[in-house]
Amino acid sequence: MFTQPSIIIQAPRLNLSLMEQAAATANANQLVLLGAHGGLLYDIDTTSISDIQQWAKNNLIDFAYFEQGLQDWKNMKILAMDMDSTLINIECIDEIAAIAGRKEQVAAITEAAMRGEIKDFSESLRRRVAMLKGVPATALEQVYTEKLFLNPGAEHLLQKAHQAGIKTLLVSGGFTFFTERLKQRLGLYETHANTLEIDSNGYLTGEVLGDIVDAQAKANYLKTLAEKEGASIHQCIAMGDGSNDLLMMENAYYSVAYRAKPIVQEQARFSINHSGLDAILNWFNP
């Protein structure tokens, strides 16, 4: 449908007046409204792209450029997601540590790891998990029921993905306690994460069982599923917020930084900083 160079702009604050500003700047031959807070600028002057991108940044609006127009949603095959701070609102390990009164120490390591300042994710995770030794396993359920919420637009995006037959993959450097519950709750196709060891008395041992799901593991899970489904890189979406998502995101044309750390914003092809996760749906023909 839309095969000429196109720009999608969207944000809760985007209105018709702002859309018309953008259309004029892009010298767009057509402005198509995408609901109340989104617009498609079609058949644009490609020399204006950097100007529109800067305009969007200044106005707190999400920007996405499609050199060859929009693909059909039904042609996509895989939607891969990070969990903590991408699909959900929290870093689960930080909230478990909070119950033990150790959030500040654990969160500092988490933040540094996500920014890419700690290069060995596996080592950083083991250090953080060690600080959870002696925490009752009931803390996990408490975090799930009291602290964990889906980020805006998550359920709508997943519903549309499942309706289109897109395989949904949740790959997390977090924990299976949470990914397994989200798999059942949201009907996810496949989930992978780390398993916390619990002793016979019901307390965390401060250890992780088996291999760590690190950046390379995340990438491998996406590549394996893509091969299984016969999905090209242009049929894959991968979303994340931290540096350990970057290898996975390299295996998807639609690499999406969701309210992400600077290193991820720089390397991802697309960013969502103001809209919900379902903003992705506007990037495709229905």
C-alpha atoms as a PDB file:
ATOM      1  CA  MET A   1       0.000   0.000   0.000  1.00  0.00           C
ATOM      2  CA  PHE A   2       2.612   2.561   1.100  1.00  0.00           C
ATOM      3  CA  THR A   3       5.705   1.833  -0.979  1.00  0.00           C
ATOM      4  CA  GLN A   4       7.312   5.277  -1.142  1.00  0.00           C
ATOM      5  CA  PRO A   5       9.689   6.640   1.558  1.00  0.00           C
ATOM      6  CA  SER A   6       7.547   7.259   4.629  1.00  0.00           C
ATOM      7  CA  ILE A   7       7.820   8.596   8.162  1.00  0.00           C
ATOM      8  CA  ILE A   8       5.640   7.599  11.105  1.00  0.00           C
ATOM      9  CA  ILE A   9       5.303  10.106  13.941  1.00  0.00           C
ATOM     10  CA  GLN A  10       3.373   9.371  17.128  1.00  0.00           C
ATOM     11  CA  ALA A  11       3.130  10.368  20.773  1.00  0.00           C
ATOM     12  CA  PRO A  12       0.376  11.070  23.323  1.00  0.00           C
ATOM     13  CA  ARG A  13       0.920  14.821  22.813  1.00  0.00           C
ATOM     14  CA  LEU A  14       0.838  14.691  18.998  1.00  0.00           C
ATOM     15  CA  ASN A  15      -2.090  16.616  17.527  1.00  0.00           C
ATOM     16  CA  LEU A  16      -3.211  17.642  14.049  1.00  0.00           C
ATOM     17  CA  SER A  17      -1.410  20.978  14.217  1.00  0.00           C
ATOM     18  CA  LEU A  18       1.909  19.295  14.977  1.00  0.00           C
ATOM     19  CA  MET A  19       1.308  16.686  12.271  1.00  0.00           C
ATOM     20  CA  GLU A  20       0.737  19.430   9.727  1.00  0.00           C
ATOM     21  CA  GLN A  21       4.000  21.093  10.811  1.00  0.00           C
ATOM     22  CA  ALA A  22       5.825  17.826  10.237  1.00  0.00           C
ATOM     23  CA  ALA A  23       4.143  17.224   6.874  1.00  0.00           C
ATOM     24  CA  ALA A  24       5.167  20.671   5.671  1.00  0.00           C
ATOM     25  CA  THR A  25       8.753  20.195   6.825  1.00  0.00           C
ATOM     26  CA  ALA A  26       8.933  16.805   5.089  1.00  0.00           C
ATOM     27  CA  ASN A  27       7.235  18.131   1.961  1.00  0.00           C
ATOM     28  CA  ALA A  28       5.005  15.065   2.231  1.00  0.00           C
ATOM     29  CA  ASN A  29       2.569  14.436  -0.610  1.00  0.00           C
ATOM     30  CA  GLN A  30       0.148  12.811   1.812  1.00  0.00           C
ATOM     31  CA  LEU A  31      -0.607  12.921   5.543  1.00  0.00           C
ATOM     32  CA  VAL A  32      -2.558   9.932   6.827  1.00  0.00           C
ATOM     33  CA  LEU A  33      -3.959  10.078  10.360  1.00  0.00           C
ATOM     34  CA  LEU A  34      -3.246   7.000  12.467  1.00  0.00           C
ATOM     35  CA  GLY A  35      -5.763   7.482  15.235  1.00  0.00           C
ATOM     36  CA  ALA A  36      -5.746  10.617  17.361  1.00  0.00           C
ATOM     37  CA  HIS A  37      -2.012  10.678  18.127  1.00  0.00           C
ATOM     38  CA  GLY A  38      -0.216   9.276  15.100  1.00  0.00           C
ATOM     39  CA  GLY A  39       0.497  10.266  11.541  1.00  0.00           C
ATOM     40  CA  LEU A  40       2.008   8.791   8.398  1.00  0.00           C
ATOM     41  CA  LEU A  41       3.973  11.198   6.211  1.00  0.00           C
ATOM     42  CA  TYR A  42       3.971   9.556   2.788  1.00  0.00           C
ATOM     43  CA  ASP A  43       6.066  10.203  -0.313  1.00  0.00           C
ATOM     44  CA  ILE A  44       8.405  12.604   1.453  1.00  0.00           C
ATOM     45  CA  ASP A  45      11.414  14.668   0.490  1.00  0.00           C
ATOM     46  CA  THR A  46      14.194  12.379   1.716  1.00  0.00           C
ATOM     47  CA  THR A  47      16.590  15.299   2.166  1.00  0.00           C
ATOM     48  CA  SER A  48      14.366  16.470   5.047  1.00  0.00           C
ATOM     49  CA  ILE A  49      14.707  13.346   7.189  1.00  0.00           C
ATOM     50  CA  SER A  50      17.270  14.741   9.634  1.00  0.00           C
ATOM     51  CA  ASP A  51      15.177  17.896  10.031  1.00  0.00           C
ATOM     52  CA  ILE A  52      12.049  15.885  10.863  1.00  0.00           C
ATOM     53  CA  GLN A  53      14.007  13.673  13.237  1.00  0.00           C
ATOM     54  CA  GLN A  54      15.310  16.699  15.129  1.00  0.00           C
ATOM     55  CA  TRP A  55      11.829  18.260  15.114  1.00  0.00           C
ATOM     56  CA  ALA A  56      10.408  15.059  16.606  1.00  0.00           C
ATOM     57  CA  LYS A  57      13.102  14.953  19.297  1.00  0.00           C
ATOM     58  CA  ASN A  58      12.476  18.597  20.226  1.00  0.00           C
ATOM     59  CA  ASN A  59       8.722  17.967  20.461  1.00  0.00           C
ATOM     60  CA  LEU A  60       8.946  14.678  22.407  1.00  0.00           C
ATOM     61  CA  ILE A  61       7.510  12.684  19.530  1.00  0.00           C
ATOM     62  CA  ASP A  62       8.492   9.208  18.359  1.00  0.00           C
ATOM     63  CA  PHE A  63       9.937   9.091  14.840  1.00  0.00           C
ATOM     64  CA  ALA A  64      10.418   6.149  12.487  1.00  0.00           C
ATOM     65  CA  TYR A  65      11.667   6.320   8.884  1.00  0.00           C
ATOM     66  CA  PHE A  66      10.909   3.646   6.295  1.00  0.00           C
ATOM     67  CA  GLU A  67      13.009   4.037   3.178  1.00  0.00           C
ATOM     68  CA  GLN A  68      10.935   1.591   1.130  1.00  0.00           C
ATOM     69  CA  GLY A  69       7.560   2.214   2.704  1.00  0.00           C
ATOM     70  CA  LEU A  70       5.637  -0.061   5.045  1.00  0.00           C
ATOM     71  CA  GLN A  71       5.571  -3.854   5.152  1.00  0.00           C
ATOM     72  CA  ASP A  72       2.377  -5.814   5.766  1.00  0.00           C
ATOM     73  CA  TRP A  73       1.894  -6.878   9.394  1.00  0.00           C
ATOM     74  CA  LYS A  74       0.735 -10.331   8.258  1.00  0.00           C
ATOM     75  CA  ASN A  75       4.144 -10.930   6.645  1.00  0.00           C
ATOM     76  CA  MET A  76       5.991 -10.639   9.968  1.00  0.00           C
ATOM     77  CA  LYS A  77       6.933 -13.901  11.676  1.00  0.00           C
ATOM     78  CA  ILE A  78       8.692 -13.218  15.004  1.00  0.00           C
ATOM     79  CA  LEU A  79       8.300 -10.676  17.796  1.00  0.00           C
ATOM     80  CA  ALA A  80      11.168 -11.070  20.295  1.00  0.00           C
ATOM     81  CA  MET A  81      11.145  -9.111  23.548  1.00  0.00           C
ATOM     82  CA  ASP A  82      13.250  -8.482  26.598  1.00  0.00           C
ATOM     83  CA  MET A  83      11.248  -8.663  29.833  1.00  0.00           C
ATOM     84  CA  ASP A  84      12.518  -6.289  32.542  1.00  0.00           C
ATOM     85  CA  SER A  85      11.871  -2.613  31.716  1.00  0.00           C
ATOM     86  CA  THR A  86      10.667  -3.593  28.219  1.00  0.00           C
ATOM     87  CA  LEU A  87       7.619  -5.850  28.422  1.00  0.00           C
ATOM     88  CA  ILE A  88       7.186  -5.029  32.111  1.00  0.00           C
ATOM     89  CA  ASN A  89       7.727  -1.933  34.216  1.00  0.00           C
ATOM     90  CA  ILE A  90      10.381  -3.144  36.658  1.00  0.00           C
ATOM     91  CA  GLU A  91      13.744  -4.844  37.014  1.00  0.00           C
ATOM     92  CA  CYS A  92      12.599  -7.892  38.966  1.00  0.00           C
ATOM     93  CA  ILE A  93      15.941  -8.531  40.645  1.00  0.00           C
ATOM     94  CA  ASP A  94      15.979  -4.996  42.062  1.00  0.00           C
ATOM     95  CA  GLU A  95      12.503  -5.475  43.550  1.00  0.00           C
ATOM     96  CA  ILE A  96      13.430  -8.828  45.101  1.00  0.00           C
ATOM     97  CA  ALA A  97      16.460  -7.119  46.628  1.00  0.00           C
ATOM     98  CA  ALA A  98      14.228  -4.322  47.938  1.00  0.00           C
ATOM     99  CA  ILE A  99      12.302  -6.812  50.058  1.00  0.00           C
ATOM    100  CA  ALA A 100      15.621  -7.848  51.585  1.00  0.00           C
ATOM    101  CA  GLY A 101      16.674  -4.231  52.119  1.00  0.00           C
ATOM    102  CA  ARG A 102      19.437  -4.499  49.506  1.00  0.00           C
ATOM    103  CA  LYS A 103      17.919  -2.682  46.538  1.00  0.00           C
ATOM    104  CA  GLU A 104      20.437   0.157  46.391  1.00  0.00           C
ATOM    105  CA  GLN A 105      23.451  -2.135  46.022  1.00  0.00           C
ATOM    106  CA  VAL A 106      21.787  -4.468  43.516  1.00  0.00           C
ATOM    107  CA  ALA A 107      20.170  -1.696  41.451  1.00  0.00           C
ATOM    108  CA  ALA A 108      23.513   0.068  41.042  1.00  0.00           C
ATOM    109  CA  ILE A 109      24.989  -3.044  39.396  1.00  0.00           C
ATOM    110  CA  THR A 110      21.847  -3.544  37.280  1.00  0.00           C
ATOM    111  CA  GLU A 111      22.007   0.021  35.982  1.00  0.00           C
ATOM    112  CA  ALA A 112      25.695  -0.220  35.133  1.00  0.00           C
ATOM    113  CA  ALA A 113      25.152  -3.530  33.331  1.00  0.00           C
ATOM    114  CA  MET A 114      22.239  -2.169  31.290  1.00  0.00           C
ATOM    115  CA  ARG A 115      24.257   0.908  30.289  1.00  0.00           C
ATOM    116  CA  GLY A 116      27.015  -1.386  29.050  1.00  0.00           C
ATOM    117  CA  GLU A 117      29.539  -0.275  31.660  1.00  0.00           C
ATOM    118  CA  ILE A 118      29.874  -3.850  32.939  1.00  0.00           C
ATOM    119  CA  LYS A 119      30.842  -5.987  29.956  1.00  0.00           C
ATOM    120  CA  ASP A 120      30.363  -9.421  31.525  1.00  0.00           C
ATOM    121  CA  PHE A 121      26.601  -9.726  32.069  1.00  0.00           C
ATOM    122  CA  SER A 122      26.864 -13.240  33.511  1.00  0.00           C
ATOM    123  CA  GLU A 123      29.299 -12.102  36.184  1.00  0.00           C
ATOM    124  CA  SER A 124      27.161  -9.077  37.038  1.00  0.00           C
ATOM    125  CA  LEU A 125      24.089 -11.292  37.391  1.00  0.00           C
ATOM    126  CA  ARG A 126      25.893 -13.753  39.661  1.00  0.00           C
ATOM    127  CA  ARG A 127      27.084 -10.868  41.840  1.00  0.00           C
ATOM    128  CA  ARG A 128      23.545  -9.560  42.167  1.00  0.00           C
ATOM    129  CA  VAL A 129      21.964 -12.956  42.777  1.00  0.00           C
ATOM    130  CA  ALA A 130      24.542 -13.660  45.501  1.00  0.00           C
ATOM    131  CA  MET A 131      23.125 -10.649  47.367  1.00  0.00           C
ATOM    132  CA  LEU A 132      19.734 -12.389  47.440  1.00  0.00           C
ATOM    133  CA  LYS A 133      20.987 -15.294  49.549  1.00  0.00           C
ATOM    134  CA  GLY A 134      18.619 -15.954  52.419  1.00  0.00           C
ATOM    135  CA  VAL A 135      15.663 -14.101  50.904  1.00  0.00           C
ATOM    136  CA  PRO A 136      12.465 -16.178  51.259  1.00  0.00           C
ATOM    137  CA  ALA A 137      11.200 -17.512  47.939  1.00  0.00           C
ATOM    138  CA  THR A 138       7.803 -16.003  48.778  1.00  0.00           C
ATOM    139  CA  ALA A 139       9.379 -12.652  47.864  1.00  0.00           C
ATOM    140  CA  LEU A 140       9.130 -13.656  44.201  1.00  0.00           C
ATOM    141  CA  GLU A 141       5.354 -13.994  44.379  1.00  0.00           C
ATOM    142  CA  GLN A 142       5.166 -10.720  46.282  1.00  0.00           C
ATOM    143  CA  VAL A 143       7.064  -8.921  43.515  1.00  0.00           C
ATOM    144  CA  TYR A 144       4.879 -10.509  40.841  1.00  0.00           C
ATOM    145  CA  THR A 145       1.588  -9.599  42.480  1.00  0.00           C
ATOM    146  CA  GLU A 146       2.473  -6.201  43.955  1.00  0.00           C
ATOM    147  CA  LYS A 147       5.145  -4.634  41.734  1.00  0.00           C
ATOM    148  CA  LEU A 148       5.023  -6.152  38.256  1.00  0.00           C
ATOM    149  CA  PHE A 149       2.854  -4.460  35.638  1.00  0.00           C
ATOM    150  CA  LEU A 150       2.867  -4.696  31.857  1.00  0.00           C
ATOM    151  CA  ASN A 151       4.155  -1.615  30.099  1.00  0.00           C
ATOM    152  CA  PRO A 152       1.561   0.430  28.180  1.00  0.00           C
ATOM    153  CA  GLY A 153       0.414  -1.140  24.932  1.00  0.00           C
ATOM    154  CA  ALA A 154       1.903  -4.575  25.682  1.00  0.00           C
ATOM    155  CA  GLU A 155      -1.330  -6.564  25.696  1.00  0.00           C
ATOM    156  CA  HIS A 156      -2.634  -4.870  22.546  1.00  0.00           C
ATOM    157  CA  LEU A 157       0.623  -5.514  20.671  1.00  0.00           C
ATOM    158  CA  LEU A 158       0.707  -9.176  21.704  1.00  0.00           C
ATOM    159  CA  GLN A 159      -2.956  -9.666  20.842  1.00  0.00           C
ATOM    160  CA  LYS A 160      -2.375  -8.330  17.330  1.00  0.00           C
ATOM    161  CA  ALA A 161       0.775 -10.423  16.950  1.00  0.00           C
ATOM    162  CA  HIS A 162      -1.015 -13.625  17.921  1.00  0.00           C
ATOM    163  CA  GLN A 163      -3.954 -12.832  15.645  1.00  0.00           C
ATOM    164  CA  ALA A 164      -1.496 -12.511  12.746  1.00  0.00           C
ATOM    165  CA  GLY A 165       0.208 -15.801  13.603  1.00  0.00           C
ATOM    166  CA  ILE A 166       3.428 -14.084  14.685  1.00  0.00           C
ATOM    167  CA  LYS A 167       5.502 -16.154  17.110  1.00  0.00           C
ATOM    168  CA  THR A 168       6.198 -14.272  20.347  1.00  0.00           C
ATOM    169  CA  LEU A 169       9.525 -14.882  22.065  1.00  0.00           C
ATOM    170  CA  LEU A 170      10.362 -13.572  25.549  1.00  0.00           C
ATOM    171  CA  VAL A 171      14.077 -13.806  26.333  1.00  0.00           C
ATOM    172  CA  SER A 172      15.246 -12.431  29.645  1.00  0.00           C
ATOM    173  CA  GLY A 173      18.355 -12.106  31.752  1.00  0.00           C
ATOM    174  CA  GLY A 174      15.835 -12.216  34.599  1.00  0.00           C
ATOM    175  CA  PHE A 175      14.114 -15.228  36.067  1.00  0.00           C
ATOM    176  CA  THR A 176      11.887 -18.104  34.988  1.00  0.00           C
ATOM    177  CA  PHE A 177       9.561 -17.485  37.942  1.00  0.00           C
ATOM    178  CA  PHE A 178       8.319 -14.392  36.110  1.00  0.00           C
ATOM    179  CA  THR A 179       8.677 -15.442  32.460  1.00  0.00           C
ATOM    180  CA  GLU A 180       6.676 -18.637  33.011  1.00  0.00           C
ATOM    181  CA  ARG A 181       3.814 -16.726  34.589  1.00  0.00           C
ATOM    182  CA  LEU A 182       3.848 -14.182  31.779  1.00  0.00           C
ATOM    183  CA  LYS A 183       3.901 -16.993  29.201  1.00  0.00           C
ATOM    184  CA  GLN A 184       0.727 -18.473  30.644  1.00  0.00           C
ATOM    185  CA  ARG A 185      -0.947 -15.114  31.203  1.00  0.00           C
ATOM    186  CA  LEU A 186      -0.188 -13.661  27.759  1.00  0.00           C
ATOM    187  CA  GLY A 187      -0.118 -16.800  25.608  1.00  0.00           C
ATOM    188  CA  LEU A 188       3.525 -16.301  24.612  1.00  0.00           C
ATOM    189  CA  TYR A 189       4.947 -18.866  22.205  1.00  0.00           C
ATOM    190  CA  GLU A 190       8.349 -19.318  23.838  1.00  0.00           C
ATOM    191  CA  THR A 191      10.155 -17.952  26.913  1.00  0.00           C
ATOM    192  CA  HIS A 192      13.712 -18.282  28.239  1.00  0.00           C
ATOM    193  CA  ALA A 193      15.288 -16.926  31.432  1.00  0.00           C
ATOM    194  CA  ASN A 194      17.465 -17.879  34.417  1.00  0.00           C
ATOM    195  CA  THR A 195      16.424 -20.200  37.232  1.00  0.00           C
ATOM    196  CA  LEU A 196      17.003 -19.133  40.834  1.00  0.00           C
ATOM    197  CA  GLU A 197      18.036 -21.936  43.186  1.00  0.00           C
ATOM    198  CA  ILE A 198      15.782 -22.376  46.223  1.00  0.00           C
ATOM    199  CA  ASP A 199      16.836 -24.529  49.184  1.00  0.00           C
ATOM    200  CA  SER A 200      14.691 -27.126  50.941  1.00  0.00           C
ATOM    201  CA  ASN A 201      13.587 -24.553  53.506  1.00  0.00           C
ATOM    202  CA  GLY A 202      12.210 -22.190  50.865  1.00  0.00           C
ATOM    203  CA  TYR A 203      15.010 -19.611  50.753  1.00  0.00           C
ATOM    204  CA  LEU A 204      17.098 -18.358  47.852  1.00  0.00           C
ATOM    205  CA  THR A 205      20.626 -19.778  47.921  1.00  0.00           C
ATOM    206  CA  GLY A 206      22.193 -16.875  46.054  1.00  0.00           C
ATOM    207  CA  GLU A 207      22.933 -19.125  43.065  1.00  0.00           C
ATOM    208  CA  VAL A 208      21.595 -19.519  39.530  1.00  0.00           C
ATOM    209  CA  LEU A 209      21.002 -23.011  38.161  1.00  0.00           C
ATOM    210  CA  GLY A 210      22.483 -23.860  34.767  1.00  0.00           C
ATOM    211  CA  ASP A 211      23.833 -21.534  32.117  1.00  0.00           C
ATOM    212  CA  ILE A 212      23.133 -17.811  32.282  1.00  0.00           C
ATOM    213  CA  VAL A 213      20.848 -16.285  29.658  1.00  0.00           C
ATOM    214  CA  ASP A 214      23.201 -13.519  28.554  1.00  0.00           C
ATOM    215  CA  ALA A 215      23.397 -11.357  25.424  1.00  0.00           C
ATOM    216  CA  GLN A 216      24.690 -14.188  23.225  1.00  0.00           C
ATOM    217  CA  ALA A 217      22.041 -16.592  24.499  1.00  0.00           C
ATOM    218  CA  LYS A 218      19.309 -14.078  23.690  1.00  0.00           C
ATOM    219  CA  ALA A 219      20.645 -13.740  20.145  1.00  0.00           C
ATOM    220  CA  ASN A 220      20.890 -17.510  19.775  1.00  0.00           C
ATOM    221  CA  TYR A 221      17.294 -18.068  20.857  1.00  0.00           C
ATOM    222  CA  LEU A 222      16.077 -15.575  18.263  1.00  0.00           C
ATOM    223  CA  LYS A 223      18.253 -17.062  15.509  1.00  0.00           C
ATOM    224  CA  THR A 224      17.076 -20.590  16.333  1.00  0.00           C
ATOM    225  CA  LEU A 225      13.415 -19.610  16.216  1.00  0.00           C
ATOM    226  CA  ALA A 226      13.950 -17.648  12.990  1.00  0.00           C
ATOM    227  CA  GLU A 227      15.509 -20.703  11.355  1.00  0.00           C
ATOM    228  CA  LYS A 228      12.663 -22.900  12.588  1.00  0.00           C
ATOM    229  CA  GLU A 229      10.036 -20.511  11.222  1.00  0.00           C
ATOM    230  CA  GLY A 230      11.887 -19.689   7.997  1.00  0.00           C
ATOM    231  CA  ALA A 231      11.923 -16.014   8.984  1.00  0.00           C
ATOM    232  CA  SER A 232      14.226 -13.559   7.250  1.00  0.00           C
ATOM    233  CA  ILE A 233      15.770 -10.685   9.190  1.00  0.00           C
ATOM    234  CA  HIS A 234      13.104  -8.408   7.638  1.00  0.00           C
ATOM    235  CA  GLN A 235      10.386 -10.562   9.219  1.00  0.00           C
ATOM    236  CA  CYS A 236      11.716 -10.206  12.758  1.00  0.00           C
ATOM    237  CA  ILE A 237      11.102  -7.581  15.432  1.00  0.00           C
ATOM    238  CA  ALA A 238      13.349  -7.462  18.510  1.00  0.00           C
ATOM    239  CA  MET A 239      12.742  -5.066  21.387  1.00  0.00           C
ATOM    240  CA  GLY A 240      14.925  -4.210  24.353  1.00  0.00           C
ATOM    241  CA  ASP A 241      16.221  -1.505  26.652  1.00  0.00           C
ATOM    242  CA  GLY A 242      19.660  -2.618  27.834  1.00  0.00           C
ATOM    243  CA  SER A 243      23.053  -3.388  26.340  1.00  0.00           C
ATOM    244  CA  ASN A 244      22.540  -7.138  26.782  1.00  0.00           C
ATOM    245  CA  ASP A 245      19.710  -6.905  24.197  1.00  0.00           C
ATOM    246  CA  LEU A 246      21.924  -5.558  21.410  1.00  0.00           C
ATOM    247  CA  LEU A 247      23.151  -8.882  19.987  1.00  0.00           C
ATOM    248  CA  MET A 248      19.573 -10.118  19.786  1.00  0.00           C
ATOM    249  CA  MET A 249      18.469  -6.886  18.136  1.00  0.00           C
ATOM    250  CA  GLU A 250      21.153  -7.251  15.456  1.00  0.00           C
ATOM    251  CA  ASN A 251      19.210 -10.263  14.195  1.00  0.00           C
ATOM    252  CA  ALA A 252      16.057  -8.268  13.459  1.00  0.00           C
ATOM    253  CA  TYR A 253      15.551  -5.525  10.888  1.00  0.00           C
ATOM    254  CA  TYR A 254      13.008  -3.997  13.263  1.00  0.00           C
ATOM    255  CA  SER A 255      15.385  -3.466  16.185  1.00  0.00           C
ATOM    256  CA  VAL A 256      13.481  -1.383  18.708  1.00  0.00           C
ATOM    257  CA  ALA A 257      14.907   0.540  21.664  1.00  0.00           C
ATOM    258  CA  TYR A 258      12.056   0.926  24.152  1.00  0.00           C
ATOM    259  CA  ARG A 259      12.763   3.807  26.575  1.00  0.00           C
ATOM    260  CA  ALA A 260      16.264   2.450  26.444  1.00  0.00           C
ATOM    261  CA  LYS A 261      19.747   3.247  27.666  1.00  0.00           C
ATOM    262  CA  PRO A 262      21.773   5.597  25.397  1.00  0.00           C
ATOM    263  CA  ILE A 263      23.944   2.824  23.955  1.00  0.00           C
ATOM    264  CA  VAL A 264      20.798   1.000  22.797  1.00  0.00           C
ATOM    265  CA  GLN A 265      19.192   4.142  21.384  1.00  0.00           C
ATOM    266  CA  GLU A 266      22.324   4.722  19.320  1.00  0.00           C
ATOM    267  CA  GLN A 267      22.454   1.250  17.812  1.00  0.00           C
ATOM    268  CA  ALA A 268      18.776   0.374  17.332  1.00  0.00           C
ATOM    269  CA  ARG A 269      17.122   1.163  14.001  1.00  0.00           C
ATOM    270  CA  PHE A 270      13.970   2.417  15.756  1.00  0.00           C
ATOM    271  CA  SER A 271      13.166   3.947  19.143  1.00  0.00           C
ATOM    272  CA  ILE A 272      10.010   4.334  21.207  1.00  0.00           C
ATOM    273  CA  ASN A 273      10.419   6.879  23.973  1.00  0.00           C
ATOM    274  CA  HIS A 274       6.974   8.421  24.389  1.00  0.00           C
ATOM    275  CA  SER A 275       4.353   6.024  23.014  1.00  0.00           C
ATOM    276  CA  GLY A 276       3.290   2.583  24.226  1.00  0.00           C
ATOM    277  CA  LEU A 277       4.676  -0.695  22.936  1.00  0.00           C
ATOM    278  CA  ASP A 278       1.782  -0.999  20.487  1.00  0.00           C
ATOM    279  CA  ALA A 279       3.161   2.033  18.599  1.00  0.00           C
ATOM    280  CA  ILE A 280       4.939  -0.659  16.555  1.00  0.00           C
ATOM    281  CA  LEU A 281       1.614  -1.581  14.940  1.00  0.00           C
ATOM    282  CA  ASN A 282       1.511   1.750  13.106  1.00  0.00           C
ATOM    283  CA  TRP A 283       4.766   0.873  11.320  1.00  0.00           C
ATOM    284  CA  PHE A 284       2.986  -1.740   9.199  1.00  0.00           C
ATOM    285  CA  ASN A 285       0.121  -2.015   6.766  1.00  0.00           C
ATOM    286  CA  PRO A 286      -2.714  -3.873   8.556  1.00  0.00           C
END
